[in-house]
Amino acid sequence: MNHMATVSDSVALGQLIRAERKRQQLTQEQLAGVAGVGVRFVRELESGKESCRVGLALTVLQTLGLTVSITSRGASS
């Protein structure tokens, strides 16, 4: 499945991660274990905490099979 979502803030990112984790039928604990991050980090990431570490967030995204694409506001689609 090739689905694209626009994420403009940490809350939207957290919601996307939570939805994908649930789609894959993983608990927060299971995702944390596979990604090599703490359960608390997964909880904070999913809740949209703005101070979450970007590197760890990218690790969680990669673990779920999600990729990040950055587009400039001035770029035409």
C-alpha atoms as a PDB file:
ATOM      1  CA  MET A   1       0.000   0.000   0.000  1.00  0.00           C
ATOM      2  CA  ASN A   2       1.380   3.386  -0.996  1.00  0.00           C
ATOM      3  CA  HIS A   3      -0.487   5.965   1.072  1.00  0.00           C
ATOM      4  CA  MET A   4       0.654   9.516   1.595  1.00  0.00           C
ATOM      5  CA  ALA A   5      -0.270  11.632   4.602  1.00  0.00           C
ATOM      6  CA  THR A   6       0.548  15.257   5.271  1.00  0.00           C
ATOM      7  CA  VAL A   7       1.927  15.891   8.744  1.00  0.00           C
ATOM      8  CA  SER A   8       2.351  19.479   9.858  1.00  0.00           C
ATOM      9  CA  ASP A   9       2.806  19.099  13.611  1.00  0.00           C
ATOM     10  CA  SER A  10       3.814  16.654  16.323  1.00  0.00           C
ATOM     11  CA  VAL A  11       0.209  15.764  17.178  1.00  0.00           C
ATOM     12  CA  ALA A  12      -0.530  14.706  13.581  1.00  0.00           C
ATOM     13  CA  LEU A  13       2.689  12.674  13.503  1.00  0.00           C
ATOM     14  CA  GLY A  14       1.734  10.943  16.734  1.00  0.00           C
ATOM     15  CA  GLN A  15      -1.720  10.114  15.420  1.00  0.00           C
ATOM     16  CA  LEU A  16      -0.227   8.664  12.244  1.00  0.00           C
ATOM     17  CA  ILE A  17       2.201   6.493  14.215  1.00  0.00           C
ATOM     18  CA  ARG A  18      -0.534   5.289  16.587  1.00  0.00           C
ATOM     19  CA  ALA A  19      -2.847   4.411  13.674  1.00  0.00           C
ATOM     20  CA  GLU A  20      -0.121   2.449  11.875  1.00  0.00           C
ATOM     21  CA  ARG A  21       0.915   0.636  15.066  1.00  0.00           C
ATOM     22  CA  LYS A  22      -2.675  -0.417  15.657  1.00  0.00           C
ATOM     23  CA  ARG A  23      -3.100  -1.409  12.006  1.00  0.00           C
ATOM     24  CA  GLN A  24      -0.123  -3.731  12.472  1.00  0.00           C
ATOM     25  CA  GLN A  25      -1.690  -5.023  15.715  1.00  0.00           C
ATOM     26  CA  LEU A  26       1.292  -4.043  17.864  1.00  0.00           C
ATOM     27  CA  THR A  27       1.128  -2.831  21.439  1.00  0.00           C
ATOM     28  CA  GLN A  28       3.187   0.177  22.462  1.00  0.00           C
ATOM     29  CA  GLU A  29       5.424  -2.212  24.372  1.00  0.00           C
ATOM     30  CA  GLN A  30       5.971  -4.438  21.326  1.00  0.00           C
ATOM     31  CA  LEU A  31       6.744  -1.471  19.069  1.00  0.00           C
ATOM     32  CA  ALA A  32       9.179  -0.062  21.619  1.00  0.00           C
ATOM     33  CA  GLY A  33      10.951  -3.411  21.883  1.00  0.00           C
ATOM     34  CA  VAL A  34      11.310  -3.896  18.136  1.00  0.00           C
ATOM     35  CA  ALA A  35      12.388  -0.285  17.558  1.00  0.00           C
ATOM     36  CA  GLY A  36      14.838  -0.358  20.462  1.00  0.00           C
ATOM     37  CA  VAL A  37      13.268   2.621  22.222  1.00  0.00           C
ATOM     38  CA  GLY A  38      11.547   2.974  25.568  1.00  0.00           C
ATOM     39  CA  VAL A  39       7.812   2.492  26.032  1.00  0.00           C
ATOM     40  CA  ARG A  40       7.608   5.972  27.538  1.00  0.00           C
ATOM     41  CA  PHE A  41       9.110   7.398  24.351  1.00  0.00           C
ATOM     42  CA  VAL A  42       6.475   5.644  22.204  1.00  0.00           C
ATOM     43  CA  ARG A  43       3.704   6.959  24.473  1.00  0.00           C
ATOM     44  CA  GLU A  44       5.046  10.516  24.299  1.00  0.00           C
ATOM     45  CA  LEU A  45       5.565  10.299  20.545  1.00  0.00           C
ATOM     46  CA  GLU A  46       2.014   9.074  19.976  1.00  0.00           C
ATOM     47  CA  SER A  47       0.605  11.792  22.234  1.00  0.00           C
ATOM     48  CA  GLY A  48       2.348  14.474  20.176  1.00  0.00           C
ATOM     49  CA  LYS A  49       4.898  15.617  22.735  1.00  0.00           C
ATOM     50  CA  GLU A  50       6.932  18.247  20.938  1.00  0.00           C
ATOM     51  CA  SER A  51      10.195  17.579  22.729  1.00  0.00           C
ATOM     52  CA  CYS A  52      10.525  14.017  21.395  1.00  0.00           C
ATOM     53  CA  ARG A  53      13.874  13.260  19.799  1.00  0.00           C
ATOM     54  CA  VAL A  54      13.743  13.334  16.012  1.00  0.00           C
ATOM     55  CA  GLY A  55      16.276  10.522  15.577  1.00  0.00           C
ATOM     56  CA  LEU A  56      14.268   8.140  17.738  1.00  0.00           C
ATOM     57  CA  ALA A  57      11.030   9.213  16.040  1.00  0.00           C
ATOM     58  CA  LEU A  58      12.573   8.345  12.666  1.00  0.00           C
ATOM     59  CA  THR A  59      13.636   4.956  14.060  1.00  0.00           C
ATOM     60  CA  VAL A  60      10.041   4.243  15.124  1.00  0.00           C
ATOM     61  CA  LEU A  61       8.746   5.314  11.697  1.00  0.00           C
ATOM     62  CA  GLN A  62      11.277   3.047   9.978  1.00  0.00           C
ATOM     63  CA  THR A  63      10.331   0.148  12.260  1.00  0.00           C
ATOM     64  CA  LEU A  64       6.711   0.544  11.163  1.00  0.00           C
ATOM     65  CA  GLY A  65       7.761   0.636   7.501  1.00  0.00           C
ATOM     66  CA  LEU A  66       6.909   4.328   7.135  1.00  0.00           C
ATOM     67  CA  THR A  67       9.113   6.790   5.272  1.00  0.00           C
ATOM     68  CA  VAL A  68       9.376  10.556   5.495  1.00  0.00           C
ATOM     69  CA  SER A  69       9.328  12.838   2.473  1.00  0.00           C
ATOM     70  CA  ILE A  70      10.050  16.539   2.816  1.00  0.00           C
ATOM     71  CA  THR A  71       8.536  18.986   0.344  1.00  0.00           C
ATOM     72  CA  SER A  72       9.244  22.679   0.147  1.00  0.00           C
ATOM     73  CA  ARG A  73       6.232  24.965   0.447  1.00  0.00           C
ATOM     74  CA  GLY A  74       7.208  26.504  -2.883  1.00  0.00           C
ATOM     75  CA  ALA A  75       7.466  23.157  -4.694  1.00  0.00           C
ATOM     76  CA  SER A  76       4.740  22.245  -7.141  1.00  0.00           C
ATOM     77  CA  SER A  77       3.310  18.738  -6.942  1.00  0.00           C
END
